[in-house]
Amino acid sequence: MHSESENIKLNWLTDGLRKMASVPKNLLPGKGEVLKMDLVNPVDEDNIHTREFDLVKSLGTQPIYELRIDLREYNWCFRATFFPKIVGDQLYYCFVYPFEKVPGYDDPTNGFRDKTYKVFDEVKFHFSDYARYFEK
């Protein structure tokens, strides 16, 4: 990366995605709720930060959620819409649209939520077209 702040952002995001791999579907939040998780950011060998994030939020249109990394000190609000998909006995989180919320600009969340729901429907009703992406 090009700067220390970009590396810090990337580290928080990477740990958030890593932690999602161990979140069972039944722990995903309901409408109006958030899933809080502690994330770890190894700034360097001697300096490791831990912080609690409101990591996952339901977007009200089931089963669409967003991964959230808010770093106020960097004026950075990262989001990624996703939905859960169970294939056989394996749970997958299908991340669809990553984006940043920027203060002073229109909030794109609902638009990405709606687009993600269309992808969810497409995968649900035409799974044979997407099955190869879920192979182990």
C-alpha atoms as a PDB file:
ATOM      1  CA  MET A   1       0.000   0.000   0.000  1.00  0.00           C
ATOM      2  CA  HIS A   2       1.012   3.607  -0.414  1.00  0.00           C
ATOM      3  CA  SER A   3       0.685   4.922   3.118  1.00  0.00           C
ATOM      4  CA  GLU A   4       0.489   3.955   6.753  1.00  0.00           C
ATOM      5  CA  SER A   5      -3.182   4.952   6.923  1.00  0.00           C
ATOM      6  CA  GLU A   6      -4.022   2.739   3.921  1.00  0.00           C
ATOM      7  CA  ASN A   7      -2.209  -0.188   5.562  1.00  0.00           C
ATOM      8  CA  ILE A   8      -4.146   0.355   8.783  1.00  0.00           C
ATOM      9  CA  LYS A   9      -7.463   0.393   6.906  1.00  0.00           C
ATOM     10  CA  LEU A  10      -6.512  -2.752   5.001  1.00  0.00           C
ATOM     11  CA  ASN A  11      -5.520  -4.544   8.229  1.00  0.00           C
ATOM     12  CA  TRP A  12      -8.888  -3.791   9.894  1.00  0.00           C
ATOM     13  CA  LEU A  13     -10.755  -4.899   6.780  1.00  0.00           C
ATOM     14  CA  THR A  14      -8.702  -8.083   6.413  1.00  0.00           C
ATOM     15  CA  ASP A  15      -9.338  -9.084  10.021  1.00  0.00           C
ATOM     16  CA  GLY A  16     -13.051  -8.342   9.616  1.00  0.00           C
ATOM     17  CA  LEU A  17     -13.264 -10.649   6.624  1.00  0.00           C
ATOM     18  CA  ARG A  18     -11.219 -13.299   8.436  1.00  0.00           C
ATOM     19  CA  LYS A  19     -13.568 -13.159  11.441  1.00  0.00           C
ATOM     20  CA  MET A  20     -16.614 -13.534   9.179  1.00  0.00           C
ATOM     21  CA  ALA A  21     -15.380 -17.011   8.255  1.00  0.00           C
ATOM     22  CA  SER A  22     -16.221 -18.167  11.789  1.00  0.00           C
ATOM     23  CA  VAL A  23     -19.602 -16.443  12.218  1.00  0.00           C
ATOM     24  CA  PRO A  24     -22.453 -18.978  12.110  1.00  0.00           C
ATOM     25  CA  LYS A  25     -25.585 -17.902  10.272  1.00  0.00           C
ATOM     26  CA  ASN A  26     -27.659 -17.884  13.474  1.00  0.00           C
ATOM     27  CA  LEU A  27     -25.453 -15.092  14.860  1.00  0.00           C
ATOM     28  CA  LEU A  28     -26.268 -12.705  12.014  1.00  0.00           C
ATOM     29  CA  PRO A  29     -28.233  -9.761  13.397  1.00  0.00           C
ATOM     30  CA  GLY A  30     -31.939  -9.182  12.958  1.00  0.00           C
ATOM     31  CA  LYS A  31     -33.538  -5.992  11.706  1.00  0.00           C
ATOM     32  CA  GLY A  32     -32.288  -2.978  13.647  1.00  0.00           C
ATOM     33  CA  GLU A  33     -29.492  -4.978  15.290  1.00  0.00           C
ATOM     34  CA  VAL A  34     -25.752  -5.208  14.742  1.00  0.00           C
ATOM     35  CA  LEU A  35     -23.185  -7.926  15.344  1.00  0.00           C
ATOM     36  CA  LYS A  36     -20.349  -6.497  17.420  1.00  0.00           C
ATOM     37  CA  MET A  37     -16.898  -8.077  17.138  1.00  0.00           C
ATOM     38  CA  ASP A  38     -13.408  -7.287  18.304  1.00  0.00           C
ATOM     39  CA  LEU A  39     -10.916  -6.934  15.490  1.00  0.00           C
ATOM     40  CA  VAL A  40      -7.140  -6.938  15.695  1.00  0.00           C
ATOM     41  CA  ASN A  41      -4.812  -4.688  13.746  1.00  0.00           C
ATOM     42  CA  PRO A  42      -1.084  -5.507  13.891  1.00  0.00           C
ATOM     43  CA  VAL A  43       0.362  -2.076  13.152  1.00  0.00           C
ATOM     44  CA  ASP A  44       3.842  -3.516  13.643  1.00  0.00           C
ATOM     45  CA  GLU A  45       5.504  -6.304  15.638  1.00  0.00           C
ATOM     46  CA  ASP A  46       5.413  -4.323  18.887  1.00  0.00           C
ATOM     47  CA  ASN A  47       2.121  -2.522  18.398  1.00  0.00           C
ATOM     48  CA  ILE A  48      -1.138  -4.474  18.114  1.00  0.00           C
ATOM     49  CA  HIS A  49      -4.465  -2.672  18.374  1.00  0.00           C
ATOM     50  CA  THR A  50      -7.803  -4.246  19.291  1.00  0.00           C
ATOM     51  CA  ARG A  51     -11.090  -2.460  18.744  1.00  0.00           C
ATOM     52  CA  GLU A  52     -14.760  -3.371  18.860  1.00  0.00           C
ATOM     53  CA  PHE A  53     -16.691  -2.762  15.640  1.00  0.00           C
ATOM     54  CA  ASP A  54     -20.355  -2.905  14.735  1.00  0.00           C
ATOM     55  CA  LEU A  55     -19.191  -5.395  12.120  1.00  0.00           C
ATOM     56  CA  VAL A  56     -22.430  -6.650  10.561  1.00  0.00           C
ATOM     57  CA  LYS A  57     -25.789  -4.962  10.142  1.00  0.00           C
ATOM     58  CA  SER A  58     -28.997  -6.305   8.646  1.00  0.00           C
ATOM     59  CA  LEU A  59     -30.182  -4.059   5.835  1.00  0.00           C
ATOM     60  CA  GLY A  60     -33.865  -4.820   6.448  1.00  0.00           C
ATOM     61  CA  THR A  61     -34.381  -6.778   3.236  1.00  0.00           C
ATOM     62  CA  GLN A  62     -33.727 -10.356   4.264  1.00  0.00           C
ATOM     63  CA  PRO A  63     -31.269 -11.928   3.847  1.00  0.00           C
ATOM     64  CA  ILE A  64     -29.123  -8.925   2.889  1.00  0.00           C
ATOM     65  CA  TYR A  65     -26.448  -7.647   5.280  1.00  0.00           C
ATOM     66  CA  GLU A  66     -23.520  -5.287   5.237  1.00  0.00           C
ATOM     67  CA  LEU A  67     -20.015  -5.670   6.591  1.00  0.00           C
ATOM     68  CA  ARG A  68     -19.006  -2.402   8.243  1.00  0.00           C
ATOM     69  CA  ILE A  69     -15.596  -0.969   9.067  1.00  0.00           C
ATOM     70  CA  ASP A  70     -15.890   2.563  10.452  1.00  0.00           C
ATOM     71  CA  LEU A  71     -12.676   4.441  11.171  1.00  0.00           C
ATOM     72  CA  ARG A  72     -13.700   7.936  12.205  1.00  0.00           C
ATOM     73  CA  GLU A  73     -10.090   9.036  12.664  1.00  0.00           C
ATOM     74  CA  TYR A  74      -9.528   8.408   8.943  1.00  0.00           C
ATOM     75  CA  ASN A  75     -12.985   9.614   7.876  1.00  0.00           C
ATOM     76  CA  TRP A  76     -13.477   6.128   6.375  1.00  0.00           C
ATOM     77  CA  CYS A  77     -16.718   4.162   6.363  1.00  0.00           C
ATOM     78  CA  PHE A  78     -16.230   0.956   4.398  1.00  0.00           C
ATOM     79  CA  ARG A  79     -19.216  -1.230   3.545  1.00  0.00           C
ATOM     80  CA  ALA A  80     -19.711  -4.476   1.636  1.00  0.00           C
ATOM     81  CA  THR A  81     -23.131  -5.961   1.013  1.00  0.00           C
ATOM     82  CA  PHE A  82     -23.522  -9.723   1.253  1.00  0.00           C
ATOM     83  CA  PHE A  83     -25.921 -12.594   1.770  1.00  0.00           C
ATOM     84  CA  PRO A  84     -25.503 -16.043   3.324  1.00  0.00           C
ATOM     85  CA  LYS A  85     -25.833 -19.147   1.164  1.00  0.00           C
ATOM     86  CA  ILE A  86     -25.794 -22.725   2.422  1.00  0.00           C
ATOM     87  CA  VAL A  87     -24.653 -25.360  -0.044  1.00  0.00           C
ATOM     88  CA  GLY A  88     -24.747 -28.879   1.334  1.00  0.00           C
ATOM     89  CA  ASP A  89     -23.541 -28.423   4.887  1.00  0.00           C
ATOM     90  CA  GLN A  90     -21.240 -25.472   4.105  1.00  0.00           C
ATOM     91  CA  LEU A  91     -22.116 -21.843   4.846  1.00  0.00           C
ATOM     92  CA  TYR A  92     -20.844 -19.210   2.428  1.00  0.00           C
ATOM     93  CA  TYR A  93     -21.035 -15.446   2.752  1.00  0.00           C
ATOM     94  CA  CYS A  94     -21.437 -14.040  -0.740  1.00  0.00           C
ATOM     95  CA  PHE A  95     -19.974 -10.541  -0.805  1.00  0.00           C
ATOM     96  CA  VAL A  96     -21.424  -8.556  -3.690  1.00  0.00           C
ATOM     97  CA  TYR A  97     -20.793  -4.787  -3.582  1.00  0.00           C
ATOM     98  CA  PRO A  98     -17.967  -3.066  -1.677  1.00  0.00           C
ATOM     99  CA  PHE A  99     -18.324   0.688  -1.289  1.00  0.00           C
ATOM    100  CA  GLU A 100     -17.450   3.653   0.904  1.00  0.00           C
ATOM    101  CA  LYS A 101     -19.905   6.006   2.522  1.00  0.00           C
ATOM    102  CA  VAL A 102     -18.649   9.554   2.141  1.00  0.00           C
ATOM    103  CA  PRO A 103     -19.954  12.323   4.416  1.00  0.00           C
ATOM    104  CA  GLY A 104     -21.676  15.050   2.442  1.00  0.00           C
ATOM    105  CA  TYR A 105     -22.688  12.738  -0.418  1.00  0.00           C
ATOM    106  CA  ASP A 106     -25.850  10.703  -0.905  1.00  0.00           C
ATOM    107  CA  ASP A 107     -25.864   7.408   1.001  1.00  0.00           C
ATOM    108  CA  PRO A 108     -25.614   4.594  -1.583  1.00  0.00           C
ATOM    109  CA  THR A 109     -26.521   1.815   0.886  1.00  0.00           C
ATOM    110  CA  ASN A 110     -30.114   1.216  -0.200  1.00  0.00           C
ATOM    111  CA  GLY A 111     -29.167   1.078  -3.859  1.00  0.00           C
ATOM    112  CA  PHE A 112     -26.468  -1.517  -3.195  1.00  0.00           C
ATOM    113  CA  ARG A 113     -28.853  -3.430  -0.890  1.00  0.00           C
ATOM    114  CA  ASP A 114     -31.407  -3.648  -3.710  1.00  0.00           C
ATOM    115  CA  LYS A 115     -28.788  -4.686  -6.277  1.00  0.00           C
ATOM    116  CA  THR A 116     -27.473  -7.321  -3.855  1.00  0.00           C
ATOM    117  CA  TYR A 117     -30.984  -8.694  -3.410  1.00  0.00           C
ATOM    118  CA  LYS A 118     -31.235  -9.093  -7.191  1.00  0.00           C
ATOM    119  CA  VAL A 119     -27.989 -11.101  -7.143  1.00  0.00           C
ATOM    120  CA  PHE A 120     -29.366 -13.180  -4.233  1.00  0.00           C
ATOM    121  CA  ASP A 121     -32.528 -13.927  -6.259  1.00  0.00           C
ATOM    122  CA  GLU A 122     -30.473 -14.816  -9.318  1.00  0.00           C
ATOM    123  CA  VAL A 123     -28.312 -17.260  -7.342  1.00  0.00           C
ATOM    124  CA  LYS A 124     -31.354 -18.696  -5.560  1.00  0.00           C
ATOM    125  CA  PHE A 125     -33.458 -19.324  -8.658  1.00  0.00           C
ATOM    126  CA  HIS A 126     -30.652 -20.218 -11.084  1.00  0.00           C
ATOM    127  CA  PHE A 127     -28.205 -21.943  -8.753  1.00  0.00           C
ATOM    128  CA  SER A 128     -26.955 -24.352 -11.411  1.00  0.00           C
ATOM    129  CA  ASP A 129     -25.411 -21.345 -13.194  1.00  0.00           C
ATOM    130  CA  TYR A 130     -23.430 -20.476 -10.041  1.00  0.00           C
ATOM    131  CA  ALA A 131     -22.719 -23.858  -8.447  1.00  0.00           C
ATOM    132  CA  ARG A 132     -19.115 -23.885  -9.667  1.00  0.00           C
ATOM    133  CA  TYR A 133     -18.333 -20.887  -7.419  1.00  0.00           C
ATOM    134  CA  PHE A 134     -19.281 -22.940  -4.367  1.00  0.00           C
ATOM    135  CA  GLU A 135     -17.146 -25.988  -5.062  1.00  0.00           C
ATOM    136  CA  LYS A 136     -14.552 -26.858  -2.462  1.00  0.00           C
END
